[in-house]
Amino acid sequence: MGTENKHKKHKTYGTHRKHRHKRNYTFMIISGDSDGTTKRLHLNHSQTQMLAYCLFAVALALCCFILYSIITIGNLSRISKEQKEQIAALEEENSSLAATNDNLASKTEMMEDTLQAKLDNEERSAEEAAELAKPTGFPLTGTAPLPQQAVDDPNSTEITKITDKNKDTAKGNPLVLFTAVPGSNVIASGAGTVMTVTTDVKFGNIVAIDHGNGMISMYRNSGKPLVSEGDKVDRGTILYVVGDKNKTLGYQIQENEVYINPEEKIEIVG
């Protein structure tokens, strides 16, 4: 009996397995046209699962895309905000640099003007110094009779005064003779440096001043020289004090090692 019950249970279970129904799904698509046609789509269980998986995948992808878009838009907004802040900072910095540049340009212009003014002043000073260095001043203070033209022959022991008789025959280096008033001074006719202070067999002493540009002036007098070699002198510097015994001044000028007539250089004032 036990064997028969087991056999019946096994037979019943087999029958249930044999008659299990498979699930099918039907999708109906109803047209909106006037004919009212209806289309049906039949899917079995596997196909339905596949469709569900596909829809889930699409939905998941769509959600991911939306989330990615939200994140991307947020990042772009943040980047845009940062760029705007950077642009604003750069514009402010640019404005500051422009102001600094304008300030520097103004200072540079002022410095250029100051430098140009300094150069102009230096140039004028150099021109004035060069003008003052020229031996064009009168070599005596006070008044003096008109100078006497003469020549100095190095081979002669005396100075030869120029007269109408000997003006064509007299030989020697040009020289002018002044008769100074006692109490006046022999002065430098231009600024320069004292080259030599030596004795002179014809006048007593000689002071030679280098004025630059090849110009040298010489002052020949029997008085005591008041300057020494190497001294810097200005126009008007006293070289001798004139007394009763040294009233005669012999005055000469060299230009590029050639003696010239001093009267050609002396500027008569008044």
Protein backbone atom coordinates (compact mmCIF):
# COMPACT_ATOMS: atom_id res chain seq x y z
CA MET A 1 0.00 0.00 0.00
CA GLY A 2 2.79 2.31 0.74
CA THR A 3 4.25 1.58 -2.65
CA GLU A 4 1.03 2.46 -4.42
CA ASN A 5 0.72 5.80 -2.58
CA LYS A 6 4.20 6.75 -3.60
CA HIS A 7 3.45 5.81 -7.17
CA LYS A 8 0.26 7.91 -7.19
CA LYS A 9 2.10 10.97 -5.76
CA HIS A 10 4.79 10.66 -8.34
CA LYS A 11 2.24 10.37 -11.10
CA THR A 12 0.29 13.37 -9.85
CA TYR A 13 3.44 15.53 -9.61
CA GLY A 14 4.43 14.56 -13.12
CA THR A 15 1.00 15.49 -14.37
CA HIS A 16 1.23 18.94 -12.78
CA ARG A 17 4.61 19.58 -14.38
CA LYS A 18 3.33 18.44 -17.72
CA HIS A 19 0.33 20.76 -17.67
CA ARG A 20 2.12 23.98 -16.28
CA HIS A 21 1.16 26.90 -18.51
CA LYS A 22 3.72 29.33 -19.86
CA ARG A 23 2.94 33.02 -19.38
CA ASN A 24 2.43 35.10 -22.46
CA TYR A 25 1.90 38.86 -22.70
CA THR A 26 -0.06 40.72 -25.31
CA PHE A 27 0.46 44.45 -26.05
CA MET A 28 -2.32 46.17 -27.91
CA ILE A 29 -1.74 49.28 -29.98
CA ILE A 30 -4.95 51.04 -30.92
CA SER A 31 -4.74 53.45 -33.83
CA GLY A 32 -6.41 56.81 -33.57
CA ASP A 33 -7.55 56.68 -37.15
CA SER A 34 -11.25 56.51 -38.02
CA ASP A 35 -11.03 52.84 -38.97
CA GLY A 36 -10.10 52.01 -35.37
CA THR A 37 -7.58 49.38 -36.36
CA THR A 38 -5.92 47.57 -33.53
CA LYS A 39 -2.45 46.04 -33.57
CA ARG A 40 -1.32 43.43 -31.15
CA LEU A 41 2.14 42.46 -30.14
CA HIS A 42 2.54 39.10 -28.39
CA LEU A 43 5.60 38.59 -26.20
CA ASN A 44 6.45 35.53 -24.23
CA HIS A 45 7.92 35.60 -20.76
CA SER A 46 11.57 35.76 -21.89
CA GLN A 47 10.89 38.51 -24.38
CA THR A 48 9.00 40.47 -21.75
CA GLN A 49 11.91 40.18 -19.34
CA MET A 50 14.29 41.25 -22.07
CA LEU A 51 12.10 44.29 -22.84
CA ALA A 52 11.93 45.14 -19.16
CA TYR A 53 15.69 44.92 -18.83
CA CYS A 54 16.12 47.14 -21.88
CA LEU A 55 13.67 49.70 -20.53
CA PHE A 56 15.44 49.63 -17.17
CA ALA A 57 18.81 50.08 -18.89
CA VAL A 58 17.44 53.00 -20.92
CA ALA A 59 15.94 54.55 -17.80
CA LEU A 60 19.21 54.05 -15.92
CA ALA A 61 21.22 55.55 -18.78
CA LEU A 62 18.81 58.47 -18.94
CA CYS A 63 19.14 59.04 -15.20
CA CYS A 64 22.93 58.87 -15.46
CA PHE A 65 22.87 61.29 -18.38
CA ILE A 66 20.65 63.70 -16.46
CA LEU A 67 22.89 63.41 -13.38
CA TYR A 68 26.01 63.90 -15.53
CA SER A 69 24.40 66.91 -17.21
CA ILE A 70 23.52 68.40 -13.82
CA ILE A 71 27.06 67.87 -12.57
CA THR A 72 28.56 69.22 -15.81
CA ILE A 73 26.32 72.29 -15.76
CA GLY A 74 27.26 72.86 -12.11
CA ASN A 75 30.96 72.59 -12.95
CA LEU A 76 30.56 74.89 -15.94
CA SER A 77 28.71 77.40 -13.78
CA ARG A 78 31.44 77.23 -11.16
CA ILE A 79 34.15 77.59 -13.81
CA SER A 80 32.26 80.48 -15.40
CA LYS A 81 31.96 82.19 -12.02
CA GLU A 82 35.66 81.67 -11.33
CA GLN A 83 36.55 83.02 -14.78
CA LYS A 84 34.36 86.08 -14.22
CA GLU A 85 36.07 86.64 -10.87
CA GLN A 86 39.48 86.21 -12.53
CA ILE A 87 38.48 88.61 -15.32
CA ALA A 88 37.29 91.15 -12.77
CA ALA A 89 40.56 90.75 -10.82
CA LEU A 90 42.60 91.06 -14.01
CA GLU A 91 40.65 94.14 -15.06
CA GLU A 92 41.26 95.69 -11.66
CA GLU A 93 44.93 94.76 -11.86
CA ASN A 94 45.08 96.13 -15.41
CA SER A 95 43.52 99.39 -14.22
CA SER A 96 46.06 99.56 -11.41
CA LEU A 97 48.91 98.82 -13.83
CA ALA A 98 47.57 101.43 -16.26
CA ALA A 99 47.51 104.01 -13.46
CA THR A 100 51.02 102.97 -12.42
CA ASN A 101 52.16 103.15 -16.02
CA ASP A 102 50.68 106.63 -16.39
CA ASN A 103 52.43 107.66 -13.19
CA LEU A 104 55.72 106.20 -14.40
CA ALA A 105 55.27 107.84 -17.79
CA SER A 106 54.67 111.17 -16.07
CA LYS A 107 57.74 110.68 -13.87
CA THR A 108 59.78 109.60 -16.89
CA GLU A 109 58.68 112.68 -18.79
CA MET A 110 59.59 114.85 -15.82
CA MET A 111 62.98 113.14 -15.55
CA GLU A 112 63.55 113.56 -19.28
CA ASP A 113 62.64 117.24 -19.03
CA THR A 114 64.91 117.63 -15.99
CA LEU A 115 67.73 115.78 -17.73
CA GLN A 116 67.26 117.81 -20.89
CA ALA A 117 67.25 121.02 -18.87
CA LYS A 118 70.41 119.83 -17.10
CA LEU A 119 72.04 118.99 -20.42
CA ASP A 120 71.01 122.36 -21.81
CA ASN A 121 72.44 124.09 -18.73
CA GLU A 122 75.63 122.07 -18.98
CA GLU A 123 75.86 122.86 -22.67
CA ARG A 124 75.33 126.56 -21.98
CA SER A 125 77.82 126.39 -19.14
CA ALA A 126 80.32 124.64 -21.40
CA GLU A 127 79.75 127.27 -24.09
CA GLU A 128 80.11 130.05 -21.54
CA ALA A 129 83.23 128.40 -20.13
CA ALA A 130 84.66 128.01 -23.62
CA GLU A 131 83.82 131.64 -24.35
CA LEU A 132 85.40 132.79 -21.09
CA ALA A 133 88.47 130.68 -21.85
CA LYS A 134 89.16 132.61 -25.03
CA PRO A 135 91.89 135.24 -24.44
CA THR A 136 89.69 138.07 -25.72
CA GLY A 137 89.62 140.20 -22.56
CA PHE A 138 91.70 143.28 -21.96
CA PRO A 139 94.90 142.30 -20.05
CA LEU A 140 94.84 145.32 -17.73
CA THR A 141 92.48 146.83 -15.19
CA GLY A 142 91.62 150.49 -15.35
CA THR A 143 92.57 152.58 -18.34
CA ALA A 144 95.69 152.55 -20.47
CA PRO A 145 96.91 154.34 -23.57
CA LEU A 146 96.46 152.62 -26.90
CA PRO A 147 98.88 149.70 -27.24
CA GLN A 148 101.98 149.98 -29.37
CA GLN A 149 102.47 147.26 -31.96
CA ALA A 150 105.87 145.58 -31.90
CA VAL A 151 107.70 142.42 -32.88
CA ASP A 152 109.94 140.18 -30.84
CA ASP A 153 112.84 138.70 -32.72
CA PRO A 154 114.19 135.76 -30.68
CA ASN A 155 117.64 136.47 -32.10
CA SER A 156 117.59 140.08 -30.93
CA THR A 157 118.11 141.42 -27.42
CA GLU A 158 115.52 144.16 -27.83
CA ILE A 159 111.87 144.54 -28.80
CA THR A 160 111.27 146.32 -32.08
CA LYS A 161 108.40 148.80 -32.15
CA ILE A 162 106.54 149.01 -35.44
CA THR A 163 106.69 152.34 -37.24
CA ASP A 164 105.76 153.52 -40.68
CA LYS A 165 109.41 153.18 -41.68
CA ASN A 166 110.01 149.59 -40.55
CA LYS A 167 106.55 148.03 -40.77
CA ASP A 168 107.50 146.19 -43.96
CA THR A 169 110.94 145.09 -42.85
CA ALA A 170 110.63 144.38 -39.14
CA LYS A 171 110.86 140.69 -38.32
CA GLY A 172 109.76 138.78 -35.25
CA ASN A 173 106.73 137.48 -33.40
CA PRO A 174 103.77 139.91 -33.07
CA LEU A 175 103.50 141.62 -29.70
CA VAL A 176 101.69 144.64 -28.26
CA LEU A 177 103.14 146.97 -25.64
CA PHE A 178 100.96 148.55 -22.95
CA THR A 179 102.00 151.33 -20.62
CA ALA A 180 99.97 150.68 -17.49
CA VAL A 181 99.05 153.10 -14.74
CA PRO A 182 100.67 152.39 -11.37
CA GLY A 183 98.14 150.81 -9.03
CA SER A 184 96.41 148.91 -11.87
CA ASN A 185 96.82 145.17 -12.40
CA VAL A 186 97.87 142.87 -15.18
CA ILE A 187 95.08 140.30 -15.43
CA ALA A 188 94.37 137.10 -17.32
CA SER A 189 92.51 137.81 -20.57
CA GLY A 190 90.73 134.45 -20.37
CA ALA A 191 90.25 131.42 -18.12
CA GLY A 192 92.81 128.64 -18.29
CA THR A 193 95.77 126.96 -16.61
CA VAL A 194 99.11 128.56 -15.92
CA MET A 195 101.62 126.71 -18.11
CA THR A 196 104.85 128.39 -17.08
CA VAL A 197 106.15 131.17 -14.88
CA THR A 198 109.73 131.94 -15.96
CA THR A 199 112.23 134.76 -16.24
CA ASP A 200 112.38 136.87 -19.39
CA VAL A 201 115.61 138.61 -20.42
CA LYS A 202 113.71 141.39 -22.21
CA PHE A 203 110.94 142.12 -19.68
CA GLY A 204 111.95 140.37 -16.46
CA ASN A 205 109.25 137.68 -16.09
CA ILE A 206 106.75 135.88 -18.30
CA VAL A 207 103.49 134.14 -17.36
CA ALA A 208 102.03 131.80 -20.02
CA ILE A 209 98.40 130.63 -19.74
CA ASP A 210 96.92 127.72 -21.70
CA HIS A 211 93.28 128.47 -22.61
CA GLY A 212 92.63 125.25 -24.51
CA ASN A 213 91.74 124.86 -28.20
CA GLY A 214 95.34 125.71 -29.09
CA MET A 215 95.19 129.21 -27.53
CA ILE A 216 98.01 130.48 -25.28
CA SER A 217 98.42 134.00 -23.91
CA MET A 218 101.71 135.42 -22.56
CA TYR A 219 102.18 138.32 -20.14
CA ARG A 220 105.69 139.81 -19.99
CA ASN A 221 106.41 142.21 -17.13
CA SER A 222 109.16 143.01 -14.61
CA GLY A 223 106.82 142.76 -11.63
CA LYS A 224 106.50 139.79 -9.29
CA PRO A 225 104.17 137.07 -10.65
CA LEU A 226 101.28 136.31 -8.33
CA VAL A 227 100.50 132.89 -9.81
CA SER A 228 102.38 129.60 -10.09
CA GLU A 229 102.60 126.86 -12.65
CA GLY A 230 99.51 124.63 -12.64
CA ASP A 231 97.20 127.27 -11.14
CA LYS A 232 93.68 127.49 -12.53
CA VAL A 233 92.83 131.08 -13.35
CA ASP A 234 89.67 132.87 -14.42
CA ARG A 235 89.28 135.82 -16.70
CA GLY A 236 90.36 138.79 -14.57
CA THR A 237 92.69 136.86 -12.23
CA ILE A 238 95.51 139.19 -11.16
CA LEU A 239 98.90 138.15 -12.53
CA TYR A 240 101.00 141.24 -11.61
CA VAL A 241 100.42 144.39 -9.59
CA VAL A 242 101.64 147.42 -11.57
CA GLY A 243 103.99 149.86 -9.80
CA ASP A 244 106.27 152.69 -10.86
CA LYS A 245 108.98 150.25 -11.94
CA ASN A 246 106.93 147.74 -13.95
CA LYS A 247 104.52 149.88 -15.98
CA THR A 248 105.39 148.19 -19.32
CA LEU A 249 103.48 145.04 -20.33
CA GLY A 250 104.39 142.95 -23.33
CA TYR A 251 101.33 140.90 -24.41
CA GLN A 252 101.36 138.02 -26.92
CA ILE A 253 98.97 135.30 -28.13
CA GLN A 254 99.68 131.99 -29.80
CA GLU A 255 97.05 130.11 -31.79
CA ASN A 256 97.96 126.56 -32.75
CA GLU A 257 101.64 127.34 -32.02
CA VAL A 258 101.62 130.38 -34.32
CA TYR A 259 101.96 133.92 -32.95
CA ILE A 260 99.13 136.22 -33.99
CA ASN A 261 98.48 139.92 -33.49
CA PRO A 262 96.84 140.15 -30.02
CA GLU A 263 94.76 143.13 -31.14
CA GLU A 264 92.83 140.78 -33.42
CA LYS A 265 91.50 138.98 -30.31
CA ILE A 266 91.04 141.79 -27.79
CA GLU A 267 87.41 142.81 -27.40
CA ILE A 268 87.19 146.54 -26.73
CA VAL A 269 84.28 147.28 -24.38
CA GLY A 270 82.84 150.80 -24.11
